[in-house]
Protein backbone atom coordinates (compact mmCIF):
# COMPACT_ATOMS: atom_id res chain seq x y z
CA UNK A 1 -18.89 -7.50 -46.20
CA UNK A 2 -15.23 -9.62 -44.89
CA UNK A 3 -14.16 -6.90 -42.21
CA UNK A 4 -17.04 -6.03 -40.72
CA UNK A 5 -18.00 -9.81 -40.53
CA UNK A 6 -15.12 -10.61 -38.89
CA UNK A 7 -14.79 -7.58 -37.10
CA UNK A 8 -18.44 -8.27 -35.61
CA UNK A 9 -16.97 -11.74 -34.32
CA UNK A 10 -14.17 -10.89 -32.53
CA UNK A 11 -15.29 -7.90 -31.10
CA UNK A 12 -18.60 -10.31 -29.69
CA UNK A 13 -16.36 -13.03 -28.61
CA UNK A 14 -13.28 -11.42 -27.08
CA UNK A 15 -15.63 -9.43 -24.99
CA UNK A 16 -17.52 -12.23 -23.61
CA UNK A 17 -14.21 -13.47 -22.55
CA UNK A 18 -12.85 -10.44 -21.11
CA UNK A 19 -16.41 -8.29 -20.04
CA UNK A 20 -16.25 -9.38 -16.54
CA UNK A 21 -12.99 -8.20 -15.61
CA UNK A 22 -13.63 -5.17 -17.88
CA UNK A 23 -16.52 -4.41 -15.49
CA UNK A 24 -14.51 -5.51 -12.50
CA UNK A 25 -12.01 -2.86 -13.72
CA UNK A 26 -14.55 -0.14 -13.76
CA UNK A 27 -16.19 -0.97 -10.74
CA UNK A 28 -12.68 -1.00 -8.37
CA UNK A 29 -12.41 1.78 -10.09
CA UNK A 30 -15.21 3.60 -8.61
CA UNK A 31 -14.82 2.05 -5.52
CA UNK A 32 -10.51 3.43 -5.07
CA UNK A 33 -11.64 6.50 -6.14
CA UNK A 34 -14.85 7.36 -3.97
CA UNK A 35 -13.08 6.32 -0.93
CA UNK A 36 -10.28 9.30 0.46
CA UNK A 37 -6.79 8.02 -0.13
CA UNK A 38 -6.30 10.04 3.55
CA UNK A 39 -8.78 7.46 5.41
CA UNK A 40 -7.31 4.47 3.98
CA UNK A 41 -3.91 5.34 4.87
CA UNK A 42 -4.42 6.27 8.14
CA UNK A 43 -3.75 9.15 8.51
CA UNK A 44 -6.65 10.66 9.90
CA UNK A 45 -6.00 8.65 13.06
CA UNK A 46 -2.00 9.83 12.94
CA UNK A 47 -1.76 11.91 16.49
CA UNK A 48 0.27 15.34 15.38
CA UNK A 49 3.86 15.34 17.42
CA UNK A 50 5.15 18.59 18.13
CA UNK A 51 9.02 18.19 16.34
CA UNK A 52 11.82 18.70 19.58
CA UNK A 53 14.87 20.81 18.59
CA UNK A 54 17.75 18.46 17.54
CA UNK A 55 20.80 19.11 20.52
CA UNK A 56 23.52 18.12 18.99
CA UNK A 57 25.93 18.96 21.62
CA UNK A 58 23.03 17.11 23.83
CA UNK A 59 23.50 13.82 21.88
CA UNK A 60 25.74 10.53 21.83
CA UNK A 61 27.86 10.83 18.44
CA UNK A 62 27.52 8.11 16.10
CA UNK A 63 30.28 6.28 16.39
CA UNK A 64 29.07 6.24 20.01
CA UNK A 65 25.94 4.79 19.31
CA UNK A 66 27.69 2.25 17.30
CA UNK A 67 29.90 0.99 20.04
CA UNK A 68 26.59 0.96 22.51
CA UNK A 69 24.98 -1.74 19.99
CA UNK A 70 27.64 -3.09 19.33
CA UNK A 71 27.66 -2.50 15.61
CA UNK A 72 31.26 -1.58 14.65
CA UNK A 73 30.54 -1.46 10.77
CA UNK A 74 27.50 0.57 9.90
CA UNK A 75 26.11 1.02 6.33
CA UNK A 76 23.23 3.63 7.28
CA UNK A 77 22.34 5.88 10.36
CA UNK A 78 19.84 7.82 11.01
CA UNK A 79 17.78 10.12 13.89
CA UNK A 80 14.13 9.69 14.83
CA UNK A 81 11.86 10.00 17.79
CA UNK A 82 10.62 7.44 20.28
CA UNK A 83 8.50 8.71 22.75
CA UNK A 84 9.69 12.33 21.92
CA UNK A 85 12.97 11.44 22.68
CA UNK A 86 15.71 11.70 20.21
CA UNK A 87 17.30 8.53 18.64
CA UNK A 88 19.65 6.70 16.78
CA UNK A 89 18.45 4.33 14.04
CA UNK A 90 21.14 1.78 13.04
CA UNK A 91 21.98 -1.14 10.09
CA UNK A 92 25.09 -2.57 10.25
CA UNK A 93 26.88 -4.88 7.36
CA UNK A 94 24.79 -7.81 7.97
CA UNK A 95 21.16 -6.17 8.22
CA UNK A 96 20.99 -6.00 11.79
CA UNK A 97 19.51 -2.84 12.84
CA UNK A 98 19.43 -0.73 16.42
CA UNK A 99 17.99 1.69 17.71
CA UNK A 100 19.64 3.65 20.41
CA UNK A 101 18.58 6.83 22.43
CA UNK A 102 20.70 9.67 21.74
CA UNK A 103 21.10 11.30 25.31
CA UNK A 104 22.68 8.25 27.28
CA UNK A 105 22.81 5.73 24.47
CA UNK A 106 20.52 3.28 26.26
CA UNK A 107 19.61 0.54 23.58
CA UNK A 108 15.74 0.57 23.52
CA UNK A 109 15.76 -2.20 20.75
CA UNK A 110 14.25 -4.88 20.32
CA UNK A 111 10.89 -2.99 21.56
CA UNK A 112 9.46 -5.08 24.81
CA UNK A 113 5.59 -4.70 25.02
CA UNK A 114 5.75 -2.09 27.37
CA UNK A 115 7.41 0.14 24.96
CA UNK A 116 5.55 -0.90 21.74
CA UNK A 117 2.56 -0.01 23.45
CA UNK A 118 3.96 3.22 24.49
CA UNK A 119 4.93 3.51 20.81
CA UNK A 120 0.96 2.63 19.64
CA UNK A 121 -0.74 4.90 22.27
CA UNK A 122 1.15 7.98 21.45
CA UNK A 123 1.13 7.24 17.38
CA UNK A 124 -2.53 6.79 17.59
CA UNK A 125 -5.82 9.62 18.05
CA UNK A 126 -8.74 8.91 18.20
CA UNK A 127 -12.08 7.33 19.92
CA UNK A 128 -10.40 3.88 20.47
CA UNK A 129 -8.69 2.59 22.95
CA UNK A 130 -5.82 -0.66 22.74
CA UNK A 131 -7.48 -3.50 23.31
CA UNK A 132 -4.67 -6.33 22.16
CA UNK A 133 -0.96 -6.02 21.40
CA UNK A 134 0.95 -9.02 20.27
CA UNK A 135 4.10 -10.21 18.84
CA UNK A 136 3.44 -12.25 15.64
CA UNK A 137 6.40 -14.60 14.00
CA UNK A 138 4.27 -15.19 10.75
CA UNK A 139 3.19 -11.73 9.30
CA UNK A 140 -0.48 -11.14 7.31
CA UNK A 141 -0.11 -10.31 3.62
CA UNK A 142 -1.18 -6.78 4.96
CA UNK A 143 1.98 -5.70 6.47
CA UNK A 144 5.57 -6.16 4.41
CA UNK A 145 9.03 -6.49 6.41
CA UNK A 146 10.90 -9.14 8.00
CA UNK A 147 9.26 -10.68 11.17
CA UNK A 148 8.42 -10.34 13.94
CA UNK A 149 6.77 -7.11 14.40
CA UNK A 150 4.26 -5.90 17.03
CA UNK A 151 0.56 -6.06 16.25
CA UNK A 152 -1.46 -3.25 18.07
CA UNK A 153 -5.84 -3.39 17.55
CA UNK A 154 -7.74 -0.47 18.71
CA UNK A 155 -11.77 -0.51 18.94
CA UNK A 156 -12.69 2.02 16.88
CA UNK A 157 -15.61 1.71 14.09
CA UNK A 158 -12.35 1.00 11.15
CA UNK A 159 -10.96 -1.28 13.38
CA UNK A 160 -7.43 0.16 13.30
CA UNK A 161 -4.29 -1.49 13.47
CA UNK A 162 -0.74 -0.21 13.93
CA UNK A 163 2.20 -3.03 13.18
CA UNK A 164 5.03 -1.96 14.92
CA UNK A 165 8.88 -2.71 13.94
CA UNK A 166 10.52 -3.51 17.26
CA UNK A 167 14.40 -2.69 16.09
CA UNK A 168 13.22 0.47 14.89
CA UNK A 169 10.47 1.03 17.60
CA UNK A 170 8.73 2.88 15.18
CA UNK A 171 5.11 2.58 13.41
CA UNK A 172 5.64 0.16 10.10
CA UNK A 173 1.63 -0.35 8.65
CA UNK A 174 -1.27 1.21 9.35
CA UNK A 175 -4.34 -1.10 8.78
CA UNK A 176 -8.13 -0.53 8.89
CA UNK A 177 -11.61 -1.92 7.61
CA UNK A 178 -11.08 0.69 5.16
CA UNK A 179 -7.36 -0.23 3.88
CA UNK A 180 -8.76 -3.33 3.96
CA UNK A 181 -11.66 -2.62 1.42
CA UNK A 182 -9.45 -0.54 -0.87
CA UNK A 183 -6.52 -3.74 -0.70
CA UNK A 184 -8.95 -6.01 -1.78
CA UNK A 185 -10.73 -3.97 -4.96
CA UNK A 186 -6.99 -2.79 -5.65
CA UNK A 187 -6.15 -6.86 -5.80
CA UNK A 188 -9.29 -7.35 -8.27
CA UNK A 189 -7.71 -4.53 -10.36
CA UNK A 190 -4.79 -5.54 -10.43
CA UNK A 191 -5.24 -8.95 -10.76
CA UNK A 192 -3.20 -10.41 -8.18
CA UNK A 193 -4.63 -12.11 -5.66
CA UNK A 194 -2.12 -12.75 -3.45
CA UNK A 195 -0.57 -9.68 -1.99
CA UNK A 196 -1.21 -7.35 -4.56
CA UNK A 197 2.51 -6.37 -5.37
CA UNK A 198 2.89 -7.81 -9.22
CA UNK A 199 0.53 -5.77 -11.75
CA UNK A 200 3.31 -6.70 -14.62
CA UNK A 201 1.83 -10.79 -14.63
CA UNK A 202 1.09 -12.33 -17.48
CA UNK A 203 -2.76 -12.17 -16.93
CA UNK A 204 -2.86 -8.48 -16.47
CA UNK A 205 -0.94 -8.23 -19.36
CA UNK A 206 -2.97 -9.81 -21.91
CA UNK A 207 -6.40 -9.18 -19.91
CA UNK A 208 -5.27 -5.34 -20.64
CA UNK A 209 -4.62 -6.63 -24.54
CA UNK A 210 -7.49 -7.80 -24.96
CA UNK A 211 -9.14 -5.17 -23.67
CA UNK A 212 -7.72 -3.27 -25.79
CA UNK A 213 -8.21 -5.25 -29.05
CA UNK A 214 -12.62 -4.95 -27.78
CA UNK A 215 -11.92 -1.15 -27.41
CA UNK A 216 -10.33 -1.46 -31.11
CA UNK A 217 -12.74 -3.61 -32.46
CA UNK A 218 -15.56 -1.55 -31.09
CA UNK A 219 -14.22 1.32 -32.34
CA UNK A 220 -13.74 -0.06 -35.86
CA UNK A 221 -17.13 -0.93 -35.88
CA UNK A 222 -18.62 2.19 -35.37
CA UNK A 223 -16.56 3.43 -37.88
CA UNK A 224 -17.58 1.04 -40.23
CA UNK A 225 -21.47 1.08 -39.49
CA UNK A 226 -21.18 4.72 -39.49
CA UNK A 227 -19.65 5.09 -43.05
CA UNK A 228 -21.98 2.42 -44.23
CA UNK A 229 -25.19 4.32 -43.00
CA UNK A 230 -23.59 7.56 -44.81
CA UNK A 231 -23.73 5.85 -48.11
CA UNK A 232 -27.53 4.84 -47.68
CA UNK A 233 -27.73 8.34 -47.33
CA UNK A 234 -26.59 8.96 -50.64
CA UNK A 235 -27.62 6.70 -52.30
CA UNK A 236 -30.93 7.72 -51.19
CA UNK A 237 -30.93 11.23 -51.70
CA UNK A 238 -29.57 10.10 -55.48
CA UNK A 239 -32.46 7.39 -55.71
């Protein structure tokens, strides 16, 4: 039967080409489903913070904060906390950012090593101690955004690493061995071996399409073989 013959060929050769990737999809899907997402995100190492009551009468106005930072033209402004104190986080038309303490107008950014260390230690909860903090200009692929950034490393079993933004004076990213394992399998899953951000590239689309061909050809083979088996049994009964 020509249909069966060509279906077998298509199924066999496409499966031979795409088989390894299909196995990887199953493997990395299993690994990513096993790893608790809270641990991947590092949420179990984030210290609980008691949010203070925001008292507007004790704060600088937005205009005063902008003047203190030397930013007359703002495109974004929000309040936040740094070491339990309310701050204004400002962004101007040129993309410059600044963090201003709302009580007295002190500009906290860019954060120095002492302040970055305080932010890291206040954010972290766990058995580890802060062993290294450094300002890095060349960012690793595991952290996004613009340089520079403070990298704080703790000596716990999961090698927790916090990246602190010197402009916003807050933790930008939380990374760990668990996160890196998850990220490795995620890159295999989306077939983006650089930073794992692109999951619409031609290689993945082609592999996914080939996987569909294998699946549909397999279903076609199953249908044809079952149909032939049914016909054979029917003929045997008649004989």
